[in-house]
Amino acid sequence: MRIKIANRTWSLDFVKASEMQSRANWGECDLPTARKPMMTVRRSLAPKAMLNVTIHEMIHACRPELSEEAVKDTADIIASALFKLGARITPPTV
């Protein structure tokens, strides 16, 4: 799926753990300076975790200067509020 963040077009893919750079990661994000920037999110996550990780990677995309702690704290707050409001992510079928 293609999305626009901070005037760049990103590829956002929901993938199996085996398709990620590290199986330990739940999500990954290129630097915005990448030629074709990509974000990946593990598709087997529970709904709340999937929302959180997707938001987390989007924050990395639009604010790469933030520390990991700042990104995590911000994503946790936003994901928790949106989840309570009923927000869910349904990854595209492969």
N, C-alpha and C. Protein backbone atom coordinates (compact mmCIF):
# COMPACT_ATOMS: atom_id res chain seq x y z
N MET A 1 0.85 -1.15 0.00
CA MET A 1 0.00 0.00 0.00
C MET A 1 0.90 1.23 0.00
N ARG A 2 0.51 2.26 -0.72
CA ARG A 2 1.29 3.50 -0.80
C ARG A 2 0.60 4.56 0.04
N ILE A 3 1.38 5.28 0.83
CA ILE A 3 0.84 6.37 1.64
C ILE A 3 1.78 7.57 1.55
N LYS A 4 1.22 8.74 1.74
CA LYS A 4 1.99 9.97 1.67
C LYS A 4 2.24 10.47 3.09
N ILE A 5 3.51 10.65 3.44
CA ILE A 5 3.90 11.18 4.75
C ILE A 5 5.01 12.19 4.53
N ALA A 6 4.79 13.40 5.03
CA ALA A 6 5.79 14.47 4.95
C ALA A 6 6.31 14.65 3.52
N ASN A 7 5.39 14.76 2.58
CA ASN A 7 5.70 14.98 1.17
C ASN A 7 6.52 13.88 0.50
N ARG A 8 6.54 12.70 1.09
CA ARG A 8 7.19 11.54 0.49
C ARG A 8 6.17 10.43 0.35
N THR A 9 6.29 9.65 -0.69
CA THR A 9 5.43 8.49 -0.87
C THR A 9 6.15 7.28 -0.29
N TRP A 10 5.49 6.64 0.65
CA TRP A 10 6.04 5.48 1.35
C TRP A 10 5.28 4.23 0.95
N SER A 11 5.98 3.12 0.97
CA SER A 11 5.35 1.82 0.82
C SER A 11 5.13 1.29 2.23
N LEU A 12 3.90 0.95 2.57
CA LEU A 12 3.57 0.36 3.87
C LEU A 12 3.08 -1.05 3.61
N ASP A 13 3.82 -2.02 4.13
CA ASP A 13 3.49 -3.42 3.91
C ASP A 13 3.31 -4.14 5.24
N PHE A 14 2.33 -5.01 5.30
CA PHE A 14 2.08 -5.87 6.45
C PHE A 14 2.57 -7.26 6.05
N VAL A 15 3.61 -7.73 6.75
CA VAL A 15 4.32 -8.92 6.29
C VAL A 15 4.46 -9.97 7.40
N LYS A 16 4.85 -11.18 7.00
CA LYS A 16 5.18 -12.24 7.95
C LYS A 16 6.50 -11.89 8.64
N ALA A 17 6.69 -12.41 9.84
CA ALA A 17 7.93 -12.16 10.59
C ALA A 17 9.15 -12.55 9.78
N SER A 18 9.04 -13.64 9.03
CA SER A 18 10.18 -14.13 8.25
C SER A 18 10.59 -13.18 7.12
N GLU A 19 9.72 -12.24 6.77
CA GLU A 19 10.02 -11.30 5.70
C GLU A 19 10.64 -10.00 6.21
N MET A 20 10.79 -9.88 7.51
CA MET A 20 11.36 -8.66 8.09
C MET A 20 12.87 -8.79 8.19
N GLN A 21 13.56 -7.65 8.29
CA GLN A 21 15.01 -7.67 8.42
C GLN A 21 15.43 -8.43 9.67
N SER A 22 14.67 -8.27 10.75
CA SER A 22 14.94 -9.00 11.99
C SER A 22 13.63 -9.59 12.50
N ARG A 23 13.63 -10.86 12.79
CA ARG A 23 12.41 -11.51 13.29
C ARG A 23 12.03 -11.00 14.67
N ALA A 24 12.94 -10.31 15.34
CA ALA A 24 12.66 -9.76 16.66
C ALA A 24 11.82 -8.48 16.56
N ASN A 25 11.85 -7.82 15.41
CA ASN A 25 11.13 -6.56 15.25
C ASN A 25 9.65 -6.78 14.95
N TRP A 26 8.85 -5.87 15.46
CA TRP A 26 7.41 -5.87 15.13
C TRP A 26 7.14 -4.94 13.96
N GLY A 27 8.03 -3.96 13.76
CA GLY A 27 7.90 -3.02 12.66
C GLY A 27 9.26 -2.47 12.29
N GLU A 28 9.36 -1.98 11.07
CA GLU A 28 10.61 -1.41 10.58
C GLU A 28 10.30 -0.24 9.67
N CYS A 29 11.21 0.75 9.67
CA CYS A 29 11.00 1.94 8.85
C CYS A 29 12.33 2.41 8.29
N ASP A 30 12.36 2.68 6.99
CA ASP A 30 13.54 3.26 6.36
C ASP A 30 13.68 4.72 6.82
N LEU A 31 14.84 5.27 6.58
CA LEU A 31 15.00 6.71 6.77
C LEU A 31 14.25 7.42 5.65
N PRO A 32 13.72 8.61 5.91
CA PRO A 32 12.99 9.34 4.86
C PRO A 32 13.85 9.66 3.64
N THR A 33 15.16 9.63 3.79
CA THR A 33 16.04 9.94 2.67
C THR A 33 16.24 8.75 1.72
N ALA A 34 15.70 7.60 2.07
CA ALA A 34 15.82 6.42 1.19
C ALA A 34 15.18 6.72 -0.16
N ARG A 35 15.72 6.12 -1.19
CA ARG A 35 15.21 6.36 -2.55
C ARG A 35 13.72 5.99 -2.66
N LYS A 36 13.36 4.82 -2.15
CA LYS A 36 11.97 4.36 -2.12
C LYS A 36 11.67 3.93 -0.70
N PRO A 37 11.33 4.90 0.17
CA PRO A 37 11.17 4.57 1.60
C PRO A 37 10.05 3.56 1.85
N MET A 38 10.33 2.65 2.78
CA MET A 38 9.38 1.58 3.11
C MET A 38 9.18 1.49 4.62
N MET A 39 7.99 1.08 5.00
CA MET A 39 7.67 0.70 6.36
C MET A 39 7.08 -0.70 6.29
N THR A 40 7.45 -1.53 7.25
CA THR A 40 6.83 -2.85 7.33
C THR A 40 6.33 -3.07 8.75
N VAL A 41 5.20 -3.75 8.84
CA VAL A 41 4.59 -4.09 10.12
C VAL A 41 4.27 -5.57 10.08
N ARG A 42 4.56 -6.27 11.17
CA ARG A 42 4.27 -7.70 11.25
C ARG A 42 2.75 -7.91 11.22
N ARG A 43 2.27 -8.72 10.30
CA ARG A 43 0.83 -8.89 10.11
C ARG A 43 0.18 -9.81 11.14
N SER A 44 0.94 -10.54 11.92
CA SER A 44 0.37 -11.47 12.90
C SER A 44 0.12 -10.83 14.27
N LEU A 45 0.35 -9.55 14.39
CA LEU A 45 0.16 -8.87 15.68
C LEU A 45 -1.31 -8.80 16.07
N ALA A 46 -1.55 -8.74 17.37
CA ALA A 46 -2.91 -8.51 17.87
C ALA A 46 -3.35 -7.11 17.42
N PRO A 47 -4.66 -6.88 17.33
CA PRO A 47 -5.15 -5.60 16.80
C PRO A 47 -4.57 -4.34 17.48
N LYS A 48 -4.50 -4.33 18.81
CA LYS A 48 -3.97 -3.14 19.49
C LYS A 48 -2.49 -2.95 19.19
N ALA A 49 -1.73 -4.03 19.17
CA ALA A 49 -0.30 -3.95 18.87
C ALA A 49 -0.08 -3.51 17.42
N MET A 50 -0.90 -4.00 16.50
CA MET A 50 -0.76 -3.62 15.10
C MET A 50 -0.99 -2.12 14.92
N LEU A 51 -2.01 -1.59 15.59
CA LEU A 51 -2.28 -0.16 15.54
C LEU A 51 -1.10 0.61 16.10
N ASN A 52 -0.60 0.18 17.26
CA ASN A 52 0.51 0.85 17.91
C ASN A 52 1.77 0.84 17.04
N VAL A 53 2.11 -0.30 16.50
CA VAL A 53 3.33 -0.42 15.70
C VAL A 53 3.21 0.40 14.41
N THR A 54 2.05 0.41 13.79
CA THR A 54 1.85 1.20 12.57
C THR A 54 2.03 2.68 12.88
N ILE A 55 1.43 3.15 13.94
CA ILE A 55 1.59 4.55 14.35
C ILE A 55 3.05 4.84 14.67
N HIS A 56 3.69 3.93 15.38
CA HIS A 56 5.10 4.06 15.75
C HIS A 56 5.97 4.27 14.50
N GLU A 57 5.77 3.43 13.50
CA GLU A 57 6.58 3.53 12.28
C GLU A 57 6.26 4.81 11.51
N MET A 58 5.01 5.24 11.52
CA MET A 58 4.64 6.49 10.85
C MET A 58 5.28 7.70 11.53
N ILE A 59 5.38 7.65 12.85
CA ILE A 59 6.07 8.73 13.56
C ILE A 59 7.54 8.77 13.16
N HIS A 60 8.17 7.60 13.08
CA HIS A 60 9.56 7.56 12.59
C HIS A 60 9.66 8.20 11.21
N ALA A 61 8.70 7.93 10.35
CA ALA A 61 8.73 8.44 8.99
C ALA A 61 8.63 9.97 8.94
N CYS A 62 7.78 10.53 9.77
CA CYS A 62 7.58 11.99 9.69
C CYS A 62 8.47 12.77 10.65
N ARG A 63 9.02 12.11 11.66
CA ARG A 63 9.88 12.80 12.63
C ARG A 63 11.11 11.95 12.96
N PRO A 64 12.00 11.74 11.97
CA PRO A 64 13.14 10.85 12.18
C PRO A 64 14.13 11.34 13.25
N GLU A 65 14.05 12.61 13.59
CA GLU A 65 14.97 13.15 14.59
C GLU A 65 14.60 12.79 16.02
N LEU A 66 13.38 12.28 16.23
CA LEU A 66 12.95 11.92 17.58
C LEU A 66 13.67 10.67 18.08
N SER A 67 13.89 10.64 19.37
CA SER A 67 14.50 9.45 19.98
C SER A 67 13.51 8.29 19.94
N GLU A 68 14.02 7.08 20.08
CA GLU A 68 13.16 5.90 20.11
C GLU A 68 12.18 5.99 21.29
N GLU A 69 12.64 6.50 22.41
CA GLU A 69 11.77 6.64 23.58
C GLU A 69 10.63 7.62 23.31
N ALA A 70 10.93 8.73 22.66
CA ALA A 70 9.88 9.71 22.34
C ALA A 70 8.87 9.12 21.36
N VAL A 71 9.36 8.39 20.37
CA VAL A 71 8.47 7.76 19.38
C VAL A 71 7.58 6.73 20.08
N LYS A 72 8.18 5.90 20.93
CA LYS A 72 7.42 4.86 21.64
C LYS A 72 6.35 5.49 22.53
N ASP A 73 6.74 6.47 23.33
CA ASP A 73 5.78 7.12 24.24
C ASP A 73 4.62 7.75 23.47
N THR A 74 4.94 8.45 22.38
CA THR A 74 3.91 9.11 21.58
C THR A 74 2.99 8.10 20.93
N ALA A 75 3.56 7.05 20.33
CA ALA A 75 2.75 6.02 19.68
C ALA A 75 1.84 5.32 20.70
N ASP A 76 2.36 5.04 21.89
CA ASP A 76 1.56 4.39 22.92
C ASP A 76 0.33 5.21 23.29
N ILE A 77 0.53 6.52 23.45
CA ILE A 77 -0.58 7.42 23.82
C ILE A 77 -1.62 7.49 22.70
N ILE A 78 -1.16 7.72 21.48
CA ILE A 78 -2.08 7.86 20.35
C ILE A 78 -2.81 6.54 20.09
N ALA A 79 -2.08 5.42 20.07
CA ALA A 79 -2.70 4.12 19.79
C ALA A 79 -3.73 3.76 20.86
N SER A 80 -3.42 4.02 22.11
CA SER A 80 -4.35 3.70 23.19
C SER A 80 -5.66 4.48 23.03
N ALA A 81 -5.53 5.78 22.76
CA ALA A 81 -6.73 6.61 22.59
C ALA A 81 -7.53 6.18 21.37
N LEU A 82 -6.87 5.95 20.24
CA LEU A 82 -7.57 5.55 19.02
C LEU A 82 -8.21 4.17 19.18
N PHE A 83 -7.54 3.27 19.87
CA PHE A 83 -8.10 1.93 20.08
C PHE A 83 -9.37 2.02 20.92
N LYS A 84 -9.36 2.86 21.95
CA LYS A 84 -10.56 3.04 22.78
C LYS A 84 -11.71 3.63 21.97
N LEU A 85 -11.37 4.42 20.94
CA LEU A 85 -12.38 5.00 20.07
C LEU A 85 -12.86 4.03 18.98
N GLY A 86 -12.24 2.85 18.94
CA GLY A 86 -12.67 1.83 17.98
C GLY A 86 -11.80 1.68 16.75
N ALA A 87 -10.69 2.38 16.70
CA ALA A 87 -9.81 2.28 15.53
C ALA A 87 -9.14 0.91 15.47
N ARG A 88 -9.13 0.32 14.31
CA ARG A 88 -8.47 -0.96 14.06
C ARG A 88 -7.84 -0.88 12.68
N ILE A 89 -6.80 -1.66 12.47
CA ILE A 89 -6.17 -1.75 11.15
C ILE A 89 -6.45 -3.13 10.59
N THR A 90 -6.94 -3.15 9.37
CA THR A 90 -7.15 -4.40 8.67
C THR A 90 -6.17 -4.45 7.50
N PRO A 91 -5.10 -5.23 7.65
CA PRO A 91 -4.12 -5.27 6.55
C PRO A 91 -4.75 -5.79 5.27
N PRO A 92 -4.30 -5.28 4.14
CA PRO A 92 -4.81 -5.79 2.86
C PRO A 92 -4.52 -7.28 2.75
N THR A 93 -5.39 -8.00 2.12
CA THR A 93 -5.17 -9.43 1.91
C THR A 93 -4.11 -9.60 0.83
N VAL A 94 -3.33 -10.64 1.01
CA VAL A 94 -2.20 -10.87 0.07
C VAL A 94 -2.68 -11.64 -1.11
